[in-house]
Structure formats: C-alpha cells, structure tokens
Amino acid sequence: MQSDARKGGNATAKRRPVTSPEKGGRNMRILTRKEWDRIPASYKGKWEPTPYNISRVESGELPAEYIGKRNMLTYEEGNGTVLLTEGYHFTVL
C-alpha cells in the first residue's frame, strides 16, 4: 500500500486530516472524487450484508451502521495497513 500512495493513490488525503465533531472528534480524511477514483479497485470495497458480516454485527464485533458503507485499505505510518470506513474514517466529496 505504501507504494500505492506514491503512485498517487490517497497520499494527498493522508495529509489532510480534519476533526469531525459529529463523529466523536476523530480525525477524518477528506478525499475528492478524483482521489477516490485513483485508488485501485482491489483496495476499495463495501460492507455487504453477507451472513458472515451479519453474524459479526450480532456478536458486537462489527457496528451495524457499517453495513452498506464503502471501505478502503490504506497504509498509515506507524500503524501499517488499516481498514477505513466511509463516514467514520473518511469521506468523499
């Protein structure tokens, strides 16, 4: 993923964290549509209501609000590869 950021992936978004008070004051990345489109499809997905994810919601392992939201994998310095969920960790303008 680190090499992906060098190719233009979401390196710009990584440099623009903002505080999102409506989400508990967490840092949220802001991506433009162009930045989102540059991320390879293999690094993007969506929380689907599969039996596996539904069982994770029922067990409390996955928040129900995540189902239907887009997600992406990225590299964070000091944390390695992380999974981010739209509306909680990033937003696309």
N, C-alpha and C. Protein backbone atom coordinates (compact mmCIF):
# COMPACT_ATOMS: atom_id res chain seq x y z
N MET A 1 0.82 -1.20 0.00
CA MET A 1 0.00 0.00 0.00
C MET A 1 0.86 1.26 0.00
N GLN A 2 1.99 1.20 0.66
CA GLN A 2 2.83 2.38 0.69
C GLN A 2 3.23 2.76 -0.73
N SER A 3 3.57 1.78 -1.56
CA SER A 3 3.93 2.08 -2.93
C SER A 3 2.73 2.63 -3.69
N ASP A 4 1.52 2.20 -3.34
CA ASP A 4 0.31 2.70 -3.97
C ASP A 4 0.16 4.20 -3.73
N ALA A 5 0.46 4.66 -2.52
CA ALA A 5 0.36 6.08 -2.20
C ALA A 5 1.34 6.88 -3.05
N ARG A 6 2.51 6.31 -3.33
CA ARG A 6 3.48 7.00 -4.15
C ARG A 6 3.00 7.14 -5.59
N LYS A 7 2.12 6.22 -6.03
CA LYS A 7 1.58 6.28 -7.39
C LYS A 7 0.43 7.27 -7.50
N GLY A 8 0.07 7.90 -6.41
CA GLY A 8 -1.00 8.89 -6.47
C GLY A 8 -2.23 8.47 -5.71
N GLY A 9 -2.33 7.24 -5.28
CA GLY A 9 -3.47 6.70 -4.55
C GLY A 9 -4.18 7.71 -3.67
N ASN A 10 -3.97 7.67 -2.39
CA ASN A 10 -4.63 8.61 -1.48
C ASN A 10 -3.63 9.35 -0.62
N ALA A 11 -2.43 9.58 -1.15
CA ALA A 11 -1.40 10.26 -0.38
C ALA A 11 -1.84 11.68 0.00
N THR A 12 -2.53 12.37 -0.90
CA THR A 12 -2.98 13.73 -0.60
C THR A 12 -3.97 13.71 0.55
N ALA A 13 -4.91 12.78 0.53
CA ALA A 13 -5.91 12.70 1.58
C ALA A 13 -5.25 12.43 2.92
N LYS A 14 -4.18 11.66 2.94
CA LYS A 14 -3.50 11.35 4.19
C LYS A 14 -2.97 12.62 4.85
N ARG A 15 -2.63 13.62 4.05
CA ARG A 15 -2.07 14.85 4.59
C ARG A 15 -3.13 15.84 5.04
N ARG A 16 -4.42 15.52 4.87
CA ARG A 16 -5.46 16.48 5.19
C ARG A 16 -6.46 15.96 6.23
N PRO A 17 -6.00 15.47 7.38
CA PRO A 17 -6.97 15.03 8.37
C PRO A 17 -7.68 16.23 8.98
N VAL A 18 -8.94 16.06 9.29
CA VAL A 18 -9.70 17.11 9.98
C VAL A 18 -10.44 16.48 11.14
N THR A 19 -10.78 17.28 12.10
CA THR A 19 -11.55 16.78 13.23
C THR A 19 -13.02 16.80 12.87
N SER A 20 -13.69 15.71 13.17
CA SER A 20 -15.11 15.59 12.87
C SER A 20 -15.89 15.50 14.17
N PRO A 21 -16.39 16.62 14.70
CA PRO A 21 -17.09 16.59 15.98
C PRO A 21 -18.31 15.69 15.98
N GLU A 22 -19.01 15.59 14.84
CA GLU A 22 -20.20 14.75 14.80
C GLU A 22 -19.86 13.27 14.90
N LYS A 23 -18.62 12.92 14.71
CA LYS A 23 -18.18 11.53 14.83
C LYS A 23 -17.29 11.36 16.06
N GLY A 24 -17.51 12.14 17.08
CA GLY A 24 -16.76 11.97 18.33
C GLY A 24 -15.39 12.62 18.31
N GLY A 25 -15.15 13.56 17.40
CA GLY A 25 -13.88 14.26 17.39
C GLY A 25 -12.74 13.48 16.78
N ARG A 26 -13.03 12.38 16.11
CA ARG A 26 -11.96 11.59 15.48
C ARG A 26 -11.45 12.29 14.24
N ASN A 27 -10.22 11.99 13.87
CA ASN A 27 -9.67 12.51 12.62
C ASN A 27 -10.35 11.80 11.46
N MET A 28 -10.79 12.58 10.50
CA MET A 28 -11.43 12.02 9.32
C MET A 28 -10.69 12.53 8.09
N ARG A 29 -10.44 11.64 7.17
CA ARG A 29 -9.78 12.02 5.92
C ARG A 29 -10.83 12.53 4.94
N ILE A 30 -10.47 13.56 4.22
CA ILE A 30 -11.34 14.12 3.20
C ILE A 30 -10.71 13.77 1.85
N LEU A 31 -11.43 13.04 1.02
CA LEU A 31 -10.94 12.69 -0.31
C LEU A 31 -11.83 13.35 -1.34
N THR A 32 -11.23 13.82 -2.41
CA THR A 32 -12.02 14.31 -3.53
C THR A 32 -12.47 13.09 -4.34
N ARG A 33 -13.43 13.27 -5.22
CA ARG A 33 -13.87 12.18 -6.09
C ARG A 33 -12.70 11.69 -6.94
N LYS A 34 -11.86 12.62 -7.39
CA LYS A 34 -10.70 12.25 -8.20
C LYS A 34 -9.72 11.37 -7.41
N GLU A 35 -9.47 11.72 -6.15
CA GLU A 35 -8.59 10.91 -5.29
C GLU A 35 -9.20 9.53 -5.07
N TRP A 36 -10.51 9.47 -4.82
CA TRP A 36 -11.18 8.19 -4.61
C TRP A 36 -11.05 7.32 -5.87
N ASP A 37 -11.27 7.91 -7.02
CA ASP A 37 -11.21 7.16 -8.27
C ASP A 37 -9.81 6.64 -8.58
N ARG A 38 -8.76 7.31 -8.07
CA ARG A 38 -7.38 6.86 -8.29
C ARG A 38 -7.02 5.65 -7.45
N ILE A 39 -7.75 5.39 -6.40
CA ILE A 39 -7.46 4.23 -5.55
C ILE A 39 -7.84 2.97 -6.33
N PRO A 40 -6.94 2.00 -6.45
CA PRO A 40 -7.26 0.78 -7.19
C PRO A 40 -8.48 0.06 -6.60
N ALA A 41 -9.27 -0.54 -7.47
CA ALA A 41 -10.49 -1.24 -7.04
C ALA A 41 -10.19 -2.33 -6.02
N SER A 42 -9.03 -2.93 -6.09
CA SER A 42 -8.69 -4.00 -5.15
C SER A 42 -8.44 -3.47 -3.74
N TYR A 43 -8.33 -2.15 -3.57
CA TYR A 43 -8.13 -1.53 -2.26
C TYR A 43 -9.41 -0.90 -1.72
N LYS A 44 -10.51 -1.01 -2.48
CA LYS A 44 -11.79 -0.43 -2.07
C LYS A 44 -12.84 -1.53 -2.01
N GLY A 45 -13.83 -1.32 -1.16
CA GLY A 45 -14.91 -2.28 -1.08
C GLY A 45 -16.13 -1.67 -0.43
N LYS A 46 -17.02 -2.54 0.01
CA LYS A 46 -18.25 -2.09 0.65
C LYS A 46 -18.61 -3.15 1.69
N TRP A 47 -19.07 -2.71 2.85
CA TRP A 47 -19.53 -3.64 3.87
C TRP A 47 -20.86 -4.22 3.39
N GLU A 48 -20.84 -5.43 2.92
CA GLU A 48 -22.02 -6.11 2.39
C GLU A 48 -22.75 -6.87 3.50
N PRO A 49 -24.08 -7.00 3.39
CA PRO A 49 -24.84 -7.75 4.40
C PRO A 49 -24.75 -9.27 4.18
N THR A 50 -23.52 -9.78 4.15
CA THR A 50 -23.31 -11.22 3.99
C THR A 50 -23.60 -11.93 5.31
N PRO A 51 -23.85 -13.23 5.27
CA PRO A 51 -24.07 -13.95 6.53
C PRO A 51 -22.91 -13.77 7.52
N TYR A 52 -21.67 -13.72 7.00
CA TYR A 52 -20.52 -13.54 7.87
C TYR A 52 -20.57 -12.18 8.56
N ASN A 53 -20.82 -11.11 7.80
CA ASN A 53 -20.88 -9.78 8.40
C ASN A 53 -22.08 -9.62 9.33
N ILE A 54 -23.21 -10.21 8.98
CA ILE A 54 -24.39 -10.14 9.85
C ILE A 54 -24.10 -10.82 11.19
N SER A 55 -23.40 -11.96 11.15
CA SER A 55 -23.05 -12.63 12.41
C SER A 55 -22.06 -11.79 13.22
N ARG A 56 -21.19 -11.05 12.55
CA ARG A 56 -20.26 -10.16 13.25
C ARG A 56 -21.01 -9.00 13.89
N VAL A 57 -22.05 -8.50 13.22
CA VAL A 57 -22.89 -7.45 13.80
C VAL A 57 -23.61 -7.98 15.02
N GLU A 58 -24.20 -9.16 14.91
CA GLU A 58 -24.94 -9.77 16.03
C GLU A 58 -24.05 -10.04 17.23
N SER A 59 -22.79 -10.35 16.99
CA SER A 59 -21.87 -10.62 18.11
C SER A 59 -21.27 -9.34 18.68
N GLY A 60 -21.53 -8.19 18.03
CA GLY A 60 -20.99 -6.93 18.51
C GLY A 60 -19.60 -6.62 17.99
N GLU A 61 -19.09 -7.45 17.11
CA GLU A 61 -17.75 -7.26 16.57
C GLU A 61 -17.70 -6.18 15.49
N LEU A 62 -18.82 -5.96 14.80
CA LEU A 62 -18.90 -5.00 13.71
C LEU A 62 -20.12 -4.12 13.93
N PRO A 63 -19.96 -2.79 13.92
CA PRO A 63 -21.11 -1.92 14.11
C PRO A 63 -22.12 -2.08 12.96
N ALA A 64 -23.38 -2.17 13.26
CA ALA A 64 -24.43 -2.33 12.25
C ALA A 64 -24.43 -1.18 11.26
N GLU A 65 -24.02 0.01 11.69
CA GLU A 65 -24.00 1.18 10.82
C GLU A 65 -23.01 1.04 9.68
N TYR A 66 -22.04 0.14 9.79
CA TYR A 66 -21.05 -0.05 8.74
C TYR A 66 -21.65 -0.72 7.50
N ILE A 67 -22.67 -1.56 7.67
CA ILE A 67 -23.25 -2.30 6.56
C ILE A 67 -23.76 -1.30 5.51
N GLY A 68 -23.30 -1.48 4.27
CA GLY A 68 -23.68 -0.61 3.17
C GLY A 68 -22.70 0.52 2.93
N LYS A 69 -21.78 0.76 3.85
CA LYS A 69 -20.80 1.84 3.70
C LYS A 69 -19.60 1.35 2.89
N ARG A 70 -18.98 2.30 2.16
CA ARG A 70 -17.75 1.97 1.44
C ARG A 70 -16.60 1.85 2.43
N ASN A 71 -15.59 1.07 2.05
CA ASN A 71 -14.39 0.97 2.87
C ASN A 71 -13.17 0.94 1.97
N MET A 72 -12.02 1.14 2.58
CA MET A 72 -10.77 1.14 1.81
C MET A 72 -9.61 0.72 2.70
N LEU A 73 -8.62 0.13 2.06
CA LEU A 73 -7.38 -0.20 2.74
C LEU A 73 -6.36 0.87 2.39
N THR A 74 -5.56 1.26 3.37
CA THR A 74 -4.50 2.23 3.14
C THR A 74 -3.37 1.96 4.12
N TYR A 75 -2.26 2.63 3.89
CA TYR A 75 -1.10 2.49 4.76
C TYR A 75 -0.99 3.74 5.62
N GLU A 76 -0.82 3.57 6.92
CA GLU A 76 -0.60 4.68 7.84
C GLU A 76 0.75 4.49 8.51
N GLU A 77 1.55 5.52 8.44
CA GLU A 77 2.85 5.49 9.09
C GLU A 77 2.67 5.19 10.57
N GLY A 78 3.36 4.21 11.08
CA GLY A 78 3.28 3.84 12.48
C GLY A 78 2.21 2.81 12.80
N ASN A 79 1.24 2.64 11.89
CA ASN A 79 0.16 1.66 12.11
C ASN A 79 0.16 0.54 11.09
N GLY A 80 0.78 0.76 9.95
CA GLY A 80 0.77 -0.24 8.89
C GLY A 80 -0.51 -0.15 8.07
N THR A 81 -0.96 -1.27 7.54
CA THR A 81 -2.16 -1.31 6.72
C THR A 81 -3.40 -1.25 7.61
N VAL A 82 -4.31 -0.34 7.28
CA VAL A 82 -5.53 -0.16 8.08
C VAL A 82 -6.75 -0.17 7.17
N LEU A 83 -7.88 -0.60 7.71
CA LEU A 83 -9.16 -0.62 7.01
C LEU A 83 -9.98 0.57 7.51
N LEU A 84 -10.40 1.43 6.59
CA LEU A 84 -11.16 2.63 6.93
C LEU A 84 -12.57 2.52 6.38
N THR A 85 -13.54 3.05 7.12
CA THR A 85 -14.94 3.00 6.72
C THR A 85 -15.46 4.41 6.46
N GLU A 86 -16.19 4.56 5.37
CA GLU A 86 -16.75 5.85 4.97
C GLU A 86 -17.73 6.36 6.04
N GLY A 87 -17.62 7.64 6.34
CA GLY A 87 -18.49 8.25 7.33
C GLY A 87 -17.93 8.18 8.73
N TYR A 88 -16.93 7.34 8.95
CA TYR A 88 -16.30 7.20 10.25
C TYR A 88 -14.83 7.54 10.20
N HIS A 89 -14.17 7.16 9.12
CA HIS A 89 -12.74 7.40 8.98
C HIS A 89 -12.41 8.27 7.77
N PHE A 90 -13.28 8.30 6.78
CA PHE A 90 -13.06 9.12 5.60
C PHE A 90 -14.39 9.53 5.00
N THR A 91 -14.33 10.57 4.17
CA THR A 91 -15.48 10.99 3.39
C THR A 91 -15.02 11.38 2.00
N VAL A 92 -15.89 11.19 1.02
CA VAL A 92 -15.57 11.54 -0.37
C VAL A 92 -16.46 12.70 -0.77
N LEU A 93 -15.83 13.78 -1.22
CA LEU A 93 -16.59 14.97 -1.64
C LEU A 93 -16.92 14.91 -3.11
